[in-house]
Amino acid sequence: MNSPDAPDVPDARPRATDPAPVCSAKGCRTPAVWVLAWNNPKLHTPERRKTWLACDEHREHLSSFLGVRGFLKDVVTLAEWERGSAADR
């Protein structure tokens, strides 16, 4: 999904060797604090989750963008998401 305000972020979860993740809002380079998990039911299976990252300032805007389309499934802290990723290994 491409939008002018929030570019799509790859599904890959961050690894310790990756650079610090930044907010997905257009032009924002602030470190990410939140993970917005979403899917487009017309394109993705129900269990599939795409992700956008958000800083505190852009969390509500990005959540609203996904929410009005019925795409938003979950909002968790980046630390929580990474703990879940480590548990999946």
C-alpha atoms as a PDB file:
ATOM      1  CA  MET A   1       0.000   0.000   0.000  1.00  0.00           C
ATOM      2  CA  ASN A   2       1.374   3.352  -0.952  1.00  0.00           C
ATOM      3  CA  SER A   3       0.154   6.607   0.458  1.00  0.00           C
ATOM      4  CA  PRO A   4       1.652  10.066   0.452  1.00  0.00           C
ATOM      5  CA  ASP A   5       1.685  10.198   4.243  1.00  0.00           C
ATOM      6  CA  ALA A   6       2.901   6.755   5.214  1.00  0.00           C
ATOM      7  CA  PRO A   7       5.103   4.589   3.034  1.00  0.00           C
ATOM      8  CA  ASP A   8       4.829   0.832   3.341  1.00  0.00           C
ATOM      9  CA  VAL A   9       7.379  -0.720   5.678  1.00  0.00           C
ATOM     10  CA  PRO A  10       8.742  -4.213   4.963  1.00  0.00           C
ATOM     11  CA  ASP A  11       7.364  -7.087   7.029  1.00  0.00           C
ATOM     12  CA  ALA A  12      10.809  -8.083   8.306  1.00  0.00           C
ATOM     13  CA  ARG A  13      11.143  -7.497  11.997  1.00  0.00           C
ATOM     14  CA  PRO A  14      14.142  -5.439  13.124  1.00  0.00           C
ATOM     15  CA  ARG A  15      17.327  -7.296  14.053  1.00  0.00           C
ATOM     16  CA  ALA A  16      20.006  -6.120  16.472  1.00  0.00           C
ATOM     17  CA  THR A  17      22.374  -5.512  13.534  1.00  0.00           C
ATOM     18  CA  ASP A  18      19.888  -3.284  11.683  1.00  0.00           C
ATOM     19  CA  PRO A  19      20.128   0.496  11.973  1.00  0.00           C
ATOM     20  CA  ALA A  20      17.740   2.004  14.518  1.00  0.00           C
ATOM     21  CA  PRO A  21      14.203   1.879  13.088  1.00  0.00           C
ATOM     22  CA  VAL A  22      12.610   5.219  12.252  1.00  0.00           C
ATOM     23  CA  CYS A  23       9.050   6.446  11.918  1.00  0.00           C
ATOM     24  CA  SER A  24       7.230   5.591   8.668  1.00  0.00           C
ATOM     25  CA  ALA A  25       5.557   8.998   8.340  1.00  0.00           C
ATOM     26  CA  LYS A  26       6.699  10.832   5.243  1.00  0.00           C
ATOM     27  CA  GLY A  27       9.839  12.853   5.947  1.00  0.00           C
ATOM     28  CA  CYS A  28      10.089  11.832   9.603  1.00  0.00           C
ATOM     29  CA  ARG A  29      13.444  10.486  10.760  1.00  0.00           C
ATOM     30  CA  THR A  30      12.519  10.242  14.450  1.00  0.00           C
ATOM     31  CA  PRO A  31      13.251   6.897  16.133  1.00  0.00           C
ATOM     32  CA  ALA A  32      10.251   4.566  16.085  1.00  0.00           C
ATOM     33  CA  VAL A  33       8.501   3.743  19.355  1.00  0.00           C
ATOM     34  CA  TRP A  34       5.365   2.020  18.026  1.00  0.00           C
ATOM     35  CA  VAL A  35       4.535  -0.792  15.604  1.00  0.00           C
ATOM     36  CA  LEU A  36       1.228  -0.552  13.753  1.00  0.00           C
ATOM     37  CA  ALA A  37       0.300  -4.019  12.515  1.00  0.00           C
ATOM     38  CA  TRP A  38      -2.189  -4.066   9.655  1.00  0.00           C
ATOM     39  CA  ASN A  39      -3.452  -5.932   6.642  1.00  0.00           C
ATOM     40  CA  ASN A  40      -5.639  -5.229   3.660  1.00  0.00           C
ATOM     41  CA  PRO A  41      -8.289  -7.966   3.686  1.00  0.00           C
ATOM     42  CA  LYS A  42      -8.712  -7.645  -0.089  1.00  0.00           C
ATOM     43  CA  LEU A  43      -5.038  -8.527  -0.611  1.00  0.00           C
ATOM     44  CA  HIS A  44      -3.794 -10.418   2.445  1.00  0.00           C
ATOM     45  CA  THR A  45      -4.822 -13.552   4.289  1.00  0.00           C
ATOM     46  CA  PRO A  46      -6.356 -12.825   7.732  1.00  0.00           C
ATOM     47  CA  GLU A  47      -3.219 -13.868   9.662  1.00  0.00           C
ATOM     48  CA  ARG A  48      -0.827 -11.776   7.534  1.00  0.00           C
ATOM     49  CA  ARG A  49       0.529  -8.648   9.202  1.00  0.00           C
ATOM     50  CA  LYS A  50       2.265  -5.776   7.467  1.00  0.00           C
ATOM     51  CA  THR A  51       3.877  -3.147   9.675  1.00  0.00           C
ATOM     52  CA  TRP A  52       4.410   0.559   9.830  1.00  0.00           C
ATOM     53  CA  LEU A  53       6.588   2.136  12.499  1.00  0.00           C
ATOM     54  CA  ALA A  54       5.643   5.329  14.304  1.00  0.00           C
ATOM     55  CA  CYS A  55       7.142   7.878  16.656  1.00  0.00           C
ATOM     56  CA  ASP A  56       4.964   9.296  19.449  1.00  0.00           C
ATOM     57  CA  GLU A  57       4.084  12.333  17.327  1.00  0.00           C
ATOM     58  CA  HIS A  58       2.814  10.367  14.306  1.00  0.00           C
ATOM     59  CA  ARG A  59       1.252   7.326  16.002  1.00  0.00           C
ATOM     60  CA  GLU A  60      -2.281   8.731  16.036  1.00  0.00           C
ATOM     61  CA  HIS A  61      -2.132  10.045  12.461  1.00  0.00           C
ATOM     62  CA  LEU A  62      -0.854   6.758  11.027  1.00  0.00           C
ATOM     63  CA  SER A  63      -3.305   4.748  13.158  1.00  0.00           C
ATOM     64  CA  SER A  64      -6.192   6.883  11.889  1.00  0.00           C
ATOM     65  CA  PHE A  65      -5.058   6.483   8.281  1.00  0.00           C
ATOM     66  CA  LEU A  66      -5.126   2.689   8.613  1.00  0.00           C
ATOM     67  CA  GLY A  67      -8.157   2.616  10.893  1.00  0.00           C
ATOM     68  CA  VAL A  68     -10.572   4.463   8.599  1.00  0.00           C
ATOM     69  CA  ARG A  69      -9.765   1.898   5.906  1.00  0.00           C
ATOM     70  CA  GLY A  70     -10.367  -1.009   8.284  1.00  0.00           C
ATOM     71  CA  PHE A  71      -6.739  -2.148   7.952  1.00  0.00           C
ATOM     72  CA  LEU A  72      -5.396  -1.536  11.479  1.00  0.00           C
ATOM     73  CA  LYS A  73      -5.148  -4.733  13.541  1.00  0.00           C
ATOM     74  CA  ASP A  74      -2.870  -3.860  16.464  1.00  0.00           C
ATOM     75  CA  VAL A  75      -0.674  -1.127  17.918  1.00  0.00           C
ATOM     76  CA  VAL A  76       2.145  -2.200  20.252  1.00  0.00           C
ATOM     77  CA  THR A  77       5.404  -0.736  21.416  1.00  0.00           C
ATOM     78  CA  LEU A  78       8.465  -1.571  19.353  1.00  0.00           C
ATOM     79  CA  ALA A  79       9.989  -3.252  22.430  1.00  0.00           C
ATOM     80  CA  GLU A  80       6.901  -5.481  22.777  1.00  0.00           C
ATOM     81  CA  TRP A  81       7.021  -6.377  19.070  1.00  0.00           C
ATOM     82  CA  GLU A  82      10.713  -7.256  19.295  1.00  0.00           C
ATOM     83  CA  ARG A  83      10.099  -9.446  22.368  1.00  0.00           C
ATOM     84  CA  GLY A  84       7.410 -11.270  20.403  1.00  0.00           C
ATOM     85  CA  SER A  85       9.819 -11.682  17.499  1.00  0.00           C
ATOM     86  CA  ALA A  86      12.468 -13.178  19.771  1.00  0.00           C
ATOM     87  CA  ALA A  87       9.906 -15.603  21.206  1.00  0.00           C
ATOM     88  CA  ASP A  88       9.007 -16.741  17.651  1.00  0.00           C
ATOM     89  CA  ARG A  89      12.570 -17.898  16.912  1.00  0.00           C
END
